[in-house]
All heavy atoms as atom14 arrays in JSON, in Angstrom:
{
  "sequence": "ARVPFANQINLSYTDGHTKSLPVNGFLANTPTAAQYVVSSRPACGVGS",
  "atom14_mask": [
    [1, 1, 1, 1, 1, 0, 0, 0, 0, 0, 0, 0, 0, 0],
    [1, 1, 1, 1, 1, 1, 1, 1, 1, 1, 1, 0, 0, 0],
    [1, 1, 1, 1, 1, 1, 1, 0, 0, 0, 0, 0, 0, 0],
    [1, 1, 1, 1, 1, 1, 1, 0, 0, 0, 0, 0, 0, 0],
    [1, 1, 1, 1, 1, 1, 1, 1, 1, 1, 1, 0, 0, 0],
    [1, 1, 1, 1, 1, 0, 0, 0, 0, 0, 0, 0, 0, 0],
    [1, 1, 1, 1, 1, 1, 1, 1, 0, 0, 0, 0, 0, 0],
    [1, 1, 1, 1, 1, 1, 1, 1, 1, 0, 0, 0, 0, 0],
    [1, 1, 1, 1, 1, 1, 1, 1, 0, 0, 0, 0, 0, 0],
    [1, 1, 1, 1, 1, 1, 1, 1, 0, 0, 0, 0, 0, 0],
    [1, 1, 1, 1, 1, 1, 1, 1, 0, 0, 0, 0, 0, 0],
    [1, 1, 1, 1, 1, 1, 0, 0, 0, 0, 0, 0, 0, 0],
    [1, 1, 1, 1, 1, 1, 1, 1, 1, 1, 1, 1, 0, 0],
    [1, 1, 1, 1, 1, 1, 1, 0, 0, 0, 0, 0, 0, 0],
    [1, 1, 1, 1, 1, 1, 1, 1, 0, 0, 0, 0, 0, 0],
    [1, 1, 1, 1, 0, 0, 0, 0, 0, 0, 0, 0, 0, 0],
    [1, 1, 1, 1, 1, 1, 1, 1, 1, 1, 0, 0, 0, 0],
    [1, 1, 1, 1, 1, 1, 1, 0, 0, 0, 0, 0, 0, 0],
    [1, 1, 1, 1, 1, 1, 1, 1, 1, 0, 0, 0, 0, 0],
    [1, 1, 1, 1, 1, 1, 0, 0, 0, 0, 0, 0, 0, 0],
    [1, 1, 1, 1, 1, 1, 1, 1, 0, 0, 0, 0, 0, 0],
    [1, 1, 1, 1, 1, 1, 1, 0, 0, 0, 0, 0, 0, 0],
    [1, 1, 1, 1, 1, 1, 1, 0, 0, 0, 0, 0, 0, 0],
    [1, 1, 1, 1, 1, 1, 1, 1, 0, 0, 0, 0, 0, 0],
    [1, 1, 1, 1, 0, 0, 0, 0, 0, 0, 0, 0, 0, 0],
    [1, 1, 1, 1, 1, 1, 1, 1, 1, 1, 1, 0, 0, 0],
    [1, 1, 1, 1, 1, 1, 1, 1, 0, 0, 0, 0, 0, 0],
    [1, 1, 1, 1, 1, 0, 0, 0, 0, 0, 0, 0, 0, 0],
    [1, 1, 1, 1, 1, 1, 1, 1, 0, 0, 0, 0, 0, 0],
    [1, 1, 1, 1, 1, 1, 1, 0, 0, 0, 0, 0, 0, 0],
    [1, 1, 1, 1, 1, 1, 1, 0, 0, 0, 0, 0, 0, 0],
    [1, 1, 1, 1, 1, 1, 1, 0, 0, 0, 0, 0, 0, 0],
    [1, 1, 1, 1, 1, 0, 0, 0, 0, 0, 0, 0, 0, 0],
    [1, 1, 1, 1, 1, 0, 0, 0, 0, 0, 0, 0, 0, 0],
    [1, 1, 1, 1, 1, 1, 1, 1, 1, 0, 0, 0, 0, 0],
    [1, 1, 1, 1, 1, 1, 1, 1, 1, 1, 1, 1, 0, 0],
    [1, 1, 1, 1, 1, 1, 1, 0, 0, 0, 0, 0, 0, 0],
    [1, 1, 1, 1, 1, 1, 1, 0, 0, 0, 0, 0, 0, 0],
    [1, 1, 1, 1, 1, 1, 0, 0, 0, 0, 0, 0, 0, 0],
    [1, 1, 1, 1, 1, 1, 0, 0, 0, 0, 0, 0, 0, 0],
    [1, 1, 1, 1, 1, 1, 1, 1, 1, 1, 1, 0, 0, 0],
    [1, 1, 1, 1, 1, 1, 1, 0, 0, 0, 0, 0, 0, 0],
    [1, 1, 1, 1, 1, 0, 0, 0, 0, 0, 0, 0, 0, 0],
    [1, 1, 1, 1, 1, 1, 0, 0, 0, 0, 0, 0, 0, 0],
    [1, 1, 1, 1, 0, 0, 0, 0, 0, 0, 0, 0, 0, 0],
    [1, 1, 1, 1, 1, 1, 1, 0, 0, 0, 0, 0, 0, 0],
    [1, 1, 1, 1, 0, 0, 0, 0, 0, 0, 0, 0, 0, 0],
    [1, 1, 1, 1, 1, 1, 0, 0, 0, 0, 0, 0, 0, 0]
  ],
  "atom14_positions": [
    [[5.52, 0.91, 1.98], [5.54, 2.07, 2.88], [6.3, 3.2, 2.3], [5.98, 4.36, 2.57], [6.14, 1.64, 4.22], [0.0, 0.0, 0.0], [0.0, 0.0, 0.0], [0.0, 0.0, 0.0], [0.0, 0.0, 0.0], [0.0, 0.0, 0.0], [0.0, 0.0, 0.0], [0.0, 0.0, 0.0], [0.0, 0.0, 0.0], [0.0, 0.0, 0.0]],
    [[7.25, 2.91, 1.4], [8.06, 3.92, 0.74], [7.51, 4.33, -0.62], [7.8, 5.44, -1.07], [9.51, 3.48, 0.61], [10.21, 3.15, 1.94], [11.02, 4.32, 2.34], [11.74, 4.09, 3.61], [12.98, 4.51, 3.8], [13.58, 5.17, 2.89], [13.54, 4.28, 5.0], [0.0, 0.0, 0.0], [0.0, 0.0, 0.0], [0.0, 0.0, 0.0]],
    [[6.84, 3.41, -1.21], [6.24, 3.62, -2.61], [4.78, 3.26, -2.5], [4.44, 2.15, -2.86], [6.99, 2.8, -3.67], [6.5, 3.23, -5.04], [8.53, 3.03, -3.57], [0.0, 0.0, 0.0], [0.0, 0.0, 0.0], [0.0, 0.0, 0.0], [0.0, 0.0, 0.0], [0.0, 0.0, 0.0], [0.0, 0.0, 0.0], [0.0, 0.0, 0.0]],
    [[3.91, 4.11, -2.04], [2.58, 3.75, -1.72], [1.65, 3.56, -2.89], [0.54, 3.05, -2.78], [2.09, 4.91, -0.88], [2.91, 6.07, -1.24], [4.24, 5.52, -1.62], [0.0, 0.0, 0.0], [0.0, 0.0, 0.0], [0.0, 0.0, 0.0], [0.0, 0.0, 0.0], [0.0, 0.0, 0.0], [0.0, 0.0, 0.0], [0.0, 0.0, 0.0]],
    [[2.06, 4.02, -4.12], [1.12, 3.96, -5.26], [1.56, 3.03, -6.35], [2.18, 3.41, -7.35], [0.99, 5.36, -5.78], [0.4, 6.41, -4.85], [0.97, 7.65, -4.67], [-0.73, 6.03, -4.03], [0.44, 8.53, -3.82], [-1.24, 6.97, -3.15], [-0.67, 8.21, -3.04], [0.0, 0.0, 0.0], [0.0, 0.0, 0.0], [0.0, 0.0, 0.0]],
    [[1.38, 1.75, -6.13], [1.53, 0.72, -7.18], [2.86, 0.8, -7.87], [2.98, 0.79, -9.12], [0.39, 0.79, -8.2], [0.0, 0.0, 0.0], [0.0, 0.0, 0.0], [0.0, 0.0, 0.0], [0.0, 0.0, 0.0], [0.0, 0.0, 0.0], [0.0, 0.0, 0.0], [0.0, 0.0, 0.0], [0.0, 0.0, 0.0], [0.0, 0.0, 0.0]],
    [[3.92, 0.84, -7.05], [5.31, 0.82, -7.62], [5.62, 2.03, -8.42], [6.56, 1.93, -9.33], [5.51, -0.47, -8.44], [5.32, -1.76, -7.55], [5.35, -1.67, -6.35], [5.09, -2.83, -8.22], [0.0, 0.0, 0.0], [0.0, 0.0, 0.0], [0.0, 0.0, 0.0], [0.0, 0.0, 0.0], [0.0, 0.0, 0.0], [0.0, 0.0, 0.0]],
    [[4.93, 3.13, -8.25], [5.26, 4.36, -9.0], [5.43, 5.5, -8.09], [4.92, 5.53, -6.95], [4.06, 4.71, -9.93], [3.89, 3.7, -11.08], [2.91, 4.24, -12.11], [1.96, 4.89, -11.8], [3.11, 3.84, -13.37], [0.0, 0.0, 0.0], [0.0, 0.0, 0.0], [0.0, 0.0, 0.0], [0.0, 0.0, 0.0], [0.0, 0.0, 0.0]],
    [[6.23, 6.48, -8.45], [6.43, 7.65, -7.68], [6.09, 8.87, -8.57], [6.19, 8.8, -9.83], [7.84, 7.88, -7.17], [8.93, 7.86, -8.28], [8.15, 6.73, -6.13], [10.27, 8.2, -7.77], [0.0, 0.0, 0.0], [0.0, 0.0, 0.0], [0.0, 0.0, 0.0], [0.0, 0.0, 0.0], [0.0, 0.0, 0.0], [0.0, 0.0, 0.0]],
    [[5.69, 9.97, -7.92], [5.32, 11.21, -8.7], [6.55, 12.06, -8.75], [7.23, 12.29, -7.73], [4.17, 11.91, -8.01], [2.91, 11.08, -7.97], [2.66, 10.22, -8.88], [2.13, 11.22, -6.97], [0.0, 0.0, 0.0], [0.0, 0.0, 0.0], [0.0, 0.0, 0.0], [0.0, 0.0, 0.0], [0.0, 0.0, 0.0], [0.0, 0.0, 0.0]],
    [[6.83, 12.65, -9.95], [7.92, 13.59, -10.11], [7.31, 14.9, -10.65], [6.48, 14.86, -11.52], [8.99, 13.1, -11.05], [9.77, 11.78, -10.68], [10.81, 11.53, -11.7], [10.38, 11.92, -9.31], [0.0, 0.0, 0.0], [0.0, 0.0, 0.0], [0.0, 0.0, 0.0], [0.0, 0.0, 0.0], [0.0, 0.0, 0.0], [0.0, 0.0, 0.0]],
    [[7.86, 16.02, -10.11], [7.5, 17.32, -10.72], [8.79, 17.82, -11.38], [9.88, 17.66, -10.88], [7.08, 18.33, -9.63], [5.85, 17.88, -9.06], [0.0, 0.0, 0.0], [0.0, 0.0, 0.0], [0.0, 0.0, 0.0], [0.0, 0.0, 0.0], [0.0, 0.0, 0.0], [0.0, 0.0, 0.0], [0.0, 0.0, 0.0], [0.0, 0.0, 0.0]],
    [[8.6, 18.46, -12.53], [9.76, 18.9, -13.39], [9.82, 20.42, -13.35], [8.95, 21.16, -12.97], [9.59, 18.35, -14.8], [9.62, 16.84, -14.78], [8.45, 16.08, -14.56], [10.79, 16.17, -15.06], [8.49, 14.66, -14.53], [10.8, 14.75, -15.1], [9.66, 14.01, -14.83], [9.71, 12.64, -14.8], [0.0, 0.0, 0.0], [0.0, 0.0, 0.0]],
    [[11.03, 20.92, -13.77], [11.3, 22.3, -13.73], [10.5, 23.15, -14.69], [10.52, 24.34, -14.55], [12.83, 22.51, -13.96], [13.19, 21.93, -15.24], [13.68, 21.99, -12.87], [0.0, 0.0, 0.0], [0.0, 0.0, 0.0], [0.0, 0.0, 0.0], [0.0, 0.0, 0.0], [0.0, 0.0, 0.0], [0.0, 0.0, 0.0], [0.0, 0.0, 0.0]],
    [[9.81, 22.5, -15.57], [8.87, 23.31, -16.48], [7.41, 23.45, -15.89], [6.6, 24.03, -16.51], [8.87, 22.76, -17.9], [8.13, 21.35, -17.98], [7.98, 20.74, -16.89], [7.81, 20.93, -19.04], [0.0, 0.0, 0.0], [0.0, 0.0, 0.0], [0.0, 0.0, 0.0], [0.0, 0.0, 0.0], [0.0, 0.0, 0.0], [0.0, 0.0, 0.0]],
    [[7.19, 22.75, -14.73], [5.9, 22.88, -14.11], [5.01, 21.69, -14.15], [3.98, 21.61, -13.41], [0.0, 0.0, 0.0], [0.0, 0.0, 0.0], [0.0, 0.0, 0.0], [0.0, 0.0, 0.0], [0.0, 0.0, 0.0], [0.0, 0.0, 0.0], [0.0, 0.0, 0.0], [0.0, 0.0, 0.0], [0.0, 0.0, 0.0], [0.0, 0.0, 0.0]],
    [[5.28, 20.67, -14.94], [4.43, 19.56, -15.09], [4.78, 18.42, -14.05], [5.91, 18.4, -13.6], [4.32, 18.97, -16.51], [5.43, 18.03, -16.87], [6.71, 18.54, -17.23], [5.56, 16.72, -16.92], [7.49, 17.5, -17.47], [6.8, 16.37, -17.34], [0.0, 0.0, 0.0], [0.0, 0.0, 0.0], [0.0, 0.0, 0.0], [0.0, 0.0, 0.0]],
    [[3.79, 17.62, -13.7], [4.01, 16.56, -12.78], [3.42, 15.31, -13.38], [2.37, 15.32, -13.95], [3.26, 16.87, -11.46], [3.8, 18.05, -10.87], [3.38, 15.73, -10.46], [0.0, 0.0, 0.0], [0.0, 0.0, 0.0], [0.0, 0.0, 0.0], [0.0, 0.0, 0.0], [0.0, 0.0, 0.0], [0.0, 0.0, 0.0], [0.0, 0.0, 0.0]],
    [[4.12, 14.15, -13.18], [3.64, 12.91, -13.7], [4.16, 11.69, -12.81], [5.18, 11.87, -12.04], [4.08, 12.66, -15.14], [5.5, 12.44, -15.37], [5.81, 12.18, -16.83], [7.26, 11.88, -17.06], [7.59, 11.63, -18.47], [0.0, 0.0, 0.0], [0.0, 0.0, 0.0], [0.0, 0.0, 0.0], [0.0, 0.0, 0.0], [0.0, 0.0, 0.0]],
    [[3.55, 10.59, -12.95], [4.01, 9.4, -12.32], [5.01, 8.67, -13.15], [4.91, 8.65, -14.36], [2.83, 8.44, -12.0], [1.91, 9.03, -11.06], [0.0, 0.0, 0.0], [0.0, 0.0, 0.0], [0.0, 0.0, 0.0], [0.0, 0.0, 0.0], [0.0, 0.0, 0.0], [0.0, 0.0, 0.0], [0.0, 0.0, 0.0], [0.0, 0.0, 0.0]],
    [[5.92, 8.02, -12.45], [6.97, 7.28, -13.11], [7.23, 5.96, -12.33], [7.3, 5.99, -11.07], [8.31, 8.09, -13.13], [9.5, 7.56, -13.95], [9.23, 7.65, -15.44], [10.75, 8.38, -13.58], [0.0, 0.0, 0.0], [0.0, 0.0, 0.0], [0.0, 0.0, 0.0], [0.0, 0.0, 0.0], [0.0, 0.0, 0.0], [0.0, 0.0, 0.0]],
    [[7.32, 4.83, -13.03], [7.69, 3.63, -12.32], [9.04, 3.74, -11.57], [9.95, 4.44, -12.06], [7.76, 2.59, -13.41], [6.94, 3.1, -14.56], [7.13, 4.59, -14.5], [0.0, 0.0, 0.0], [0.0, 0.0, 0.0], [0.0, 0.0, 0.0], [0.0, 0.0, 0.0], [0.0, 0.0, 0.0], [0.0, 0.0, 0.0], [0.0, 0.0, 0.0]],
    [[9.16, 3.16, -10.46], [10.38, 3.25, -9.69], [11.55, 2.73, -10.52], [12.64, 3.37, -10.46], [10.28, 2.42, -8.35], [11.61, 2.22, -7.75], [9.34, 3.06, -7.36], [0.0, 0.0, 0.0], [0.0, 0.0, 0.0], [0.0, 0.0, 0.0], [0.0, 0.0, 0.0], [0.0, 0.0, 0.0], [0.0, 0.0, 0.0], [0.0, 0.0, 0.0]],
    [[11.33, 1.67, -11.31], [12.46, 1.23, -12.09], [12.79, 2.21, -13.2], [13.92, 2.27, -13.63], [12.1, -0.16, -12.72], [12.11, -1.23, -11.66], [12.93, -1.22, -10.69], [11.36, -2.3, -11.85], [0.0, 0.0, 0.0], [0.0, 0.0, 0.0], [0.0, 0.0, 0.0], [0.0, 0.0, 0.0], [0.0, 0.0, 0.0], [0.0, 0.0, 0.0]],
    [[11.84, 2.95, -13.67], [12.04, 4.04, -14.62], [12.91, 5.12, -13.97], [13.84, 5.7, -14.64], [0.0, 0.0, 0.0], [0.0, 0.0, 0.0], [0.0, 0.0, 0.0], [0.0, 0.0, 0.0], [0.0, 0.0, 0.0], [0.0, 0.0, 0.0], [0.0, 0.0, 0.0], [0.0, 0.0, 0.0], [0.0, 0.0, 0.0], [0.0, 0.0, 0.0]],
    [[12.65, 5.51, -12.71], [13.4, 6.48, -11.98], [14.91, 6.0, -11.89], [15.85, 6.77, -12.17], [12.84, 6.7, -10.61], [13.63, 7.61, -9.74], [13.33, 8.96, -9.68], [14.7, 7.16, -8.96], [14.03, 9.85, -8.85], [15.43, 8.04, -8.16], [15.05, 9.41, -8.17], [0.0, 0.0, 0.0], [0.0, 0.0, 0.0], [0.0, 0.0, 0.0]],
    [[15.05, 4.72, -11.55], [16.43, 4.19, -11.4], [17.12, 4.09, -12.75], [18.33, 4.36, -12.86], [16.33, 2.77, -10.79], [15.84, 2.75, -9.27], [15.64, 1.31, -8.81], [16.73, 3.55, -8.36], [0.0, 0.0, 0.0], [0.0, 0.0, 0.0], [0.0, 0.0, 0.0], [0.0, 0.0, 0.0], [0.0, 0.0, 0.0], [0.0, 0.0, 0.0]],
    [[16.39, 3.76, -13.8], [16.99, 3.73, -15.13], [17.51, 5.09, -15.6], [18.45, 5.19, -16.35], [16.01, 3.15, -16.13], [0.0, 0.0, 0.0], [0.0, 0.0, 0.0], [0.0, 0.0, 0.0], [0.0, 0.0, 0.0], [0.0, 0.0, 0.0], [0.0, 0.0, 0.0], [0.0, 0.0, 0.0], [0.0, 0.0, 0.0], [0.0, 0.0, 0.0]],
    [[16.87, 6.12, -15.13], [17.21, 7.52, -15.43], [18.31, 8.08, -14.5], [18.67, 9.26, -14.64], [16.01, 8.45, -15.48], [15.05, 8.15, -16.59], [15.5, 7.7, -17.66], [13.78, 8.4, -16.36], [0.0, 0.0, 0.0], [0.0, 0.0, 0.0], [0.0, 0.0, 0.0], [0.0, 0.0, 0.0], [0.0, 0.0, 0.0], [0.0, 0.0, 0.0]],
    [[18.8, 7.2, -13.61], [19.86, 7.59, -12.69], [21.08, 6.77, -12.95], [21.03, 5.62, -13.08], [19.35, 7.29, -11.25], [18.14, 8.01, -10.97], [20.4, 7.71, -10.21], [0.0, 0.0, 0.0], [0.0, 0.0, 0.0], [0.0, 0.0, 0.0], [0.0, 0.0, 0.0], [0.0, 0.0, 0.0], [0.0, 0.0, 0.0], [0.0, 0.0, 0.0]],
    [[22.19, 7.43, -13.09], [23.45, 6.69, -13.48], [23.85, 5.78, -12.37], [23.55, 5.99, -11.2], [24.46, 7.81, -13.7], [23.92, 8.99, -12.96], [22.45, 8.88, -13.02], [0.0, 0.0, 0.0], [0.0, 0.0, 0.0], [0.0, 0.0, 0.0], [0.0, 0.0, 0.0], [0.0, 0.0, 0.0], [0.0, 0.0, 0.0], [0.0, 0.0, 0.0]],
    [[24.57, 4.7, -12.69], [25.12, 3.8, -11.76], [26.39, 4.43, -11.18], [26.83, 5.42, -11.63], [25.59, 2.45, -12.37], [26.59, 2.69, -13.37], [24.34, 1.85, -13.11], [0.0, 0.0, 0.0], [0.0, 0.0, 0.0], [0.0, 0.0, 0.0], [0.0, 0.0, 0.0], [0.0, 0.0, 0.0], [0.0, 0.0, 0.0], [0.0, 0.0, 0.0]],
    [[26.96, 3.81, -10.12], [28.17, 4.25, -9.56], [29.37, 4.31, -10.51], [30.22, 5.07, -10.36], [28.49, 3.42, -8.31], [0.0, 0.0, 0.0], [0.0, 0.0, 0.0], [0.0, 0.0, 0.0], [0.0, 0.0, 0.0], [0.0, 0.0, 0.0], [0.0, 0.0, 0.0], [0.0, 0.0, 0.0], [0.0, 0.0, 0.0], [0.0, 0.0, 0.0]],
    [[29.27, 3.42, -11.51], [30.35, 3.4, -12.5], [30.17, 4.5, -13.55], [31.14, 4.91, -14.21], [30.37, 2.03, -13.23], [0.0, 0.0, 0.0], [0.0, 0.0, 0.0], [0.0, 0.0, 0.0], [0.0, 0.0, 0.0], [0.0, 0.0, 0.0], [0.0, 0.0, 0.0], [0.0, 0.0, 0.0], [0.0, 0.0, 0.0], [0.0, 0.0, 0.0]],
    [[28.94, 5.05, -13.74], [28.65, 6.04, -14.66], [28.69, 7.47, -14.05], [28.76, 8.44, -14.79], [27.25, 5.84, -15.25], [27.16, 4.56, -16.1], [25.73, 4.16, -16.48], [24.81, 4.29, -15.66], [25.56, 3.72, -17.7], [0.0, 0.0, 0.0], [0.0, 0.0, 0.0], [0.0, 0.0, 0.0], [0.0, 0.0, 0.0], [0.0, 0.0, 0.0]],
    [[28.61, 7.55, -12.74], [28.66, 8.82, -12.03], [29.62, 8.62, -10.85], [29.27, 8.14, -9.79], [27.29, 9.18, -11.58], [27.08, 10.52, -10.93], [27.01, 11.69, -11.71], [26.92, 10.68, -9.56], [26.86, 12.94, -11.14], [26.72, 11.92, -8.96], [26.68, 13.08, -9.8], [26.5, 14.32, -9.22], [0.0, 0.0, 0.0], [0.0, 0.0, 0.0]],
    [[30.86, 8.99, -11.08], [31.94, 8.6, -10.14], [32.13, 9.68, -9.14], [32.38, 10.84, -9.45], [33.24, 8.35, -10.97], [34.34, 7.95, -10.03], [32.96, 7.29, -12.02], [0.0, 0.0, 0.0], [0.0, 0.0, 0.0], [0.0, 0.0, 0.0], [0.0, 0.0, 0.0], [0.0, 0.0, 0.0], [0.0, 0.0, 0.0], [0.0, 0.0, 0.0]],
    [[32.11, 9.34, -7.9], [32.42, 10.18, -6.73], [33.49, 9.46, -5.88], [33.58, 8.22, -5.86], [31.16, 10.49, -5.9], [30.23, 11.4, -6.67], [30.48, 9.27, -5.38], [0.0, 0.0, 0.0], [0.0, 0.0, 0.0], [0.0, 0.0, 0.0], [0.0, 0.0, 0.0], [0.0, 0.0, 0.0], [0.0, 0.0, 0.0], [0.0, 0.0, 0.0]],
    [[34.24, 10.29, -5.16], [35.35, 9.71, -4.39], [34.92, 8.86, -3.23], [35.56, 7.94, -2.81], [36.27, 10.88, -3.86], [35.53, 11.79, -3.08], [0.0, 0.0, 0.0], [0.0, 0.0, 0.0], [0.0, 0.0, 0.0], [0.0, 0.0, 0.0], [0.0, 0.0, 0.0], [0.0, 0.0, 0.0], [0.0, 0.0, 0.0], [0.0, 0.0, 0.0]],
    [[33.66, 9.21, -2.68], [33.11, 8.43, -1.57], [31.66, 8.75, -1.43], [31.17, 9.75, -1.95], [33.85, 8.76, -0.26], [33.63, 10.12, 0.1], [0.0, 0.0, 0.0], [0.0, 0.0, 0.0], [0.0, 0.0, 0.0], [0.0, 0.0, 0.0], [0.0, 0.0, 0.0], [0.0, 0.0, 0.0], [0.0, 0.0, 0.0], [0.0, 0.0, 0.0]],
    [[30.93, 7.83, -0.8], [29.53, 8.06, -0.48], [29.15, 7.16, 0.68], [29.93, 6.31, 1.17], [28.69, 7.71, -1.72], [28.76, 6.25, -2.21], [27.97, 6.06, -3.47], [28.1, 4.79, -4.09], [27.35, 3.69, -3.74], [26.41, 3.83, -2.83], [27.52, 2.53, -4.34], [0.0, 0.0, 0.0], [0.0, 0.0, 0.0], [0.0, 0.0, 0.0]],
    [[28.0, 7.39, 1.3], [27.51, 6.58, 2.44], [27.51, 5.07, 2.11], [27.4, 4.67, 0.94], [26.13, 7.08, 2.73], [26.13, 8.46, 2.19], [26.99, 8.48, 1.01], [0.0, 0.0, 0.0], [0.0, 0.0, 0.0], [0.0, 0.0, 0.0], [0.0, 0.0, 0.0], [0.0, 0.0, 0.0], [0.0, 0.0, 0.0], [0.0, 0.0, 0.0]],
    [[27.72, 4.26, 3.09], [27.85, 2.82, 2.88], [26.53, 2.24, 2.33], [26.5, 1.23, 1.58], [28.2, 2.11, 4.17], [0.0, 0.0, 0.0], [0.0, 0.0, 0.0], [0.0, 0.0, 0.0], [0.0, 0.0, 0.0], [0.0, 0.0, 0.0], [0.0, 0.0, 0.0], [0.0, 0.0, 0.0], [0.0, 0.0, 0.0], [0.0, 0.0, 0.0]],
    [[25.46, 2.87, 2.73], [24.12, 2.41, 2.27], [23.16, 3.58, 2.14], [22.98, 4.36, 3.09], [23.57, 1.36, 3.23], [21.98, 0.53, 2.63], [0.0, 0.0, 0.0], [0.0, 0.0, 0.0], [0.0, 0.0, 0.0], [0.0, 0.0, 0.0], [0.0, 0.0, 0.0], [0.0, 0.0, 0.0], [0.0, 0.0, 0.0], [0.0, 0.0, 0.0]],
    [[22.5, 3.73, 1.03], [21.55, 4.79, 0.89], [22.17, 6.18, 0.73], [23.31, 6.3, 0.21], [0.0, 0.0, 0.0], [0.0, 0.0, 0.0], [0.0, 0.0, 0.0], [0.0, 0.0, 0.0], [0.0, 0.0, 0.0], [0.0, 0.0, 0.0], [0.0, 0.0, 0.0], [0.0, 0.0, 0.0], [0.0, 0.0, 0.0], [0.0, 0.0, 0.0]],
    [[21.4, 7.23, 1.04], [21.86, 8.57, 0.84], [22.32, 9.22, 2.21], [22.57, 10.42, 2.22], [20.75, 9.37, 0.25], [20.38, 8.87, -1.17], [19.44, 9.44, 1.13], [0.0, 0.0, 0.0], [0.0, 0.0, 0.0], [0.0, 0.0, 0.0], [0.0, 0.0, 0.0], [0.0, 0.0, 0.0], [0.0, 0.0, 0.0], [0.0, 0.0, 0.0]],
    [[22.39, 8.49, 3.23], [22.84, 8.98, 4.51], [21.95, 10.1, 5.03], [20.72, 10.03, 4.93], [0.0, 0.0, 0.0], [0.0, 0.0, 0.0], [0.0, 0.0, 0.0], [0.0, 0.0, 0.0], [0.0, 0.0, 0.0], [0.0, 0.0, 0.0], [0.0, 0.0, 0.0], [0.0, 0.0, 0.0], [0.0, 0.0, 0.0], [0.0, 0.0, 0.0]],
    [[22.51, 11.15, 5.55], [21.72, 12.17, 6.23], [21.33, 13.35, 5.32], [20.7, 14.26, 5.67], [22.48, 12.83, 7.41], [23.7, 13.41, 6.94], [0.0, 0.0, 0.0], [0.0, 0.0, 0.0], [0.0, 0.0, 0.0], [0.0, 0.0, 0.0], [0.0, 0.0, 0.0], [0.0, 0.0, 0.0], [0.0, 0.0, 0.0], [0.0, 0.0, 0.0]]
  ]
}
């Protein structure tokens, strides 16, 4: 229901192109909490 297209999501980039990326690829390109340190965040997900 959240990822309707075969485990992939579409991303558009600041140069104008758009392409599909596997969800795990999106996550791999996103730092972990240990690599991107903030003082606090919602208990689950991105909150409001």
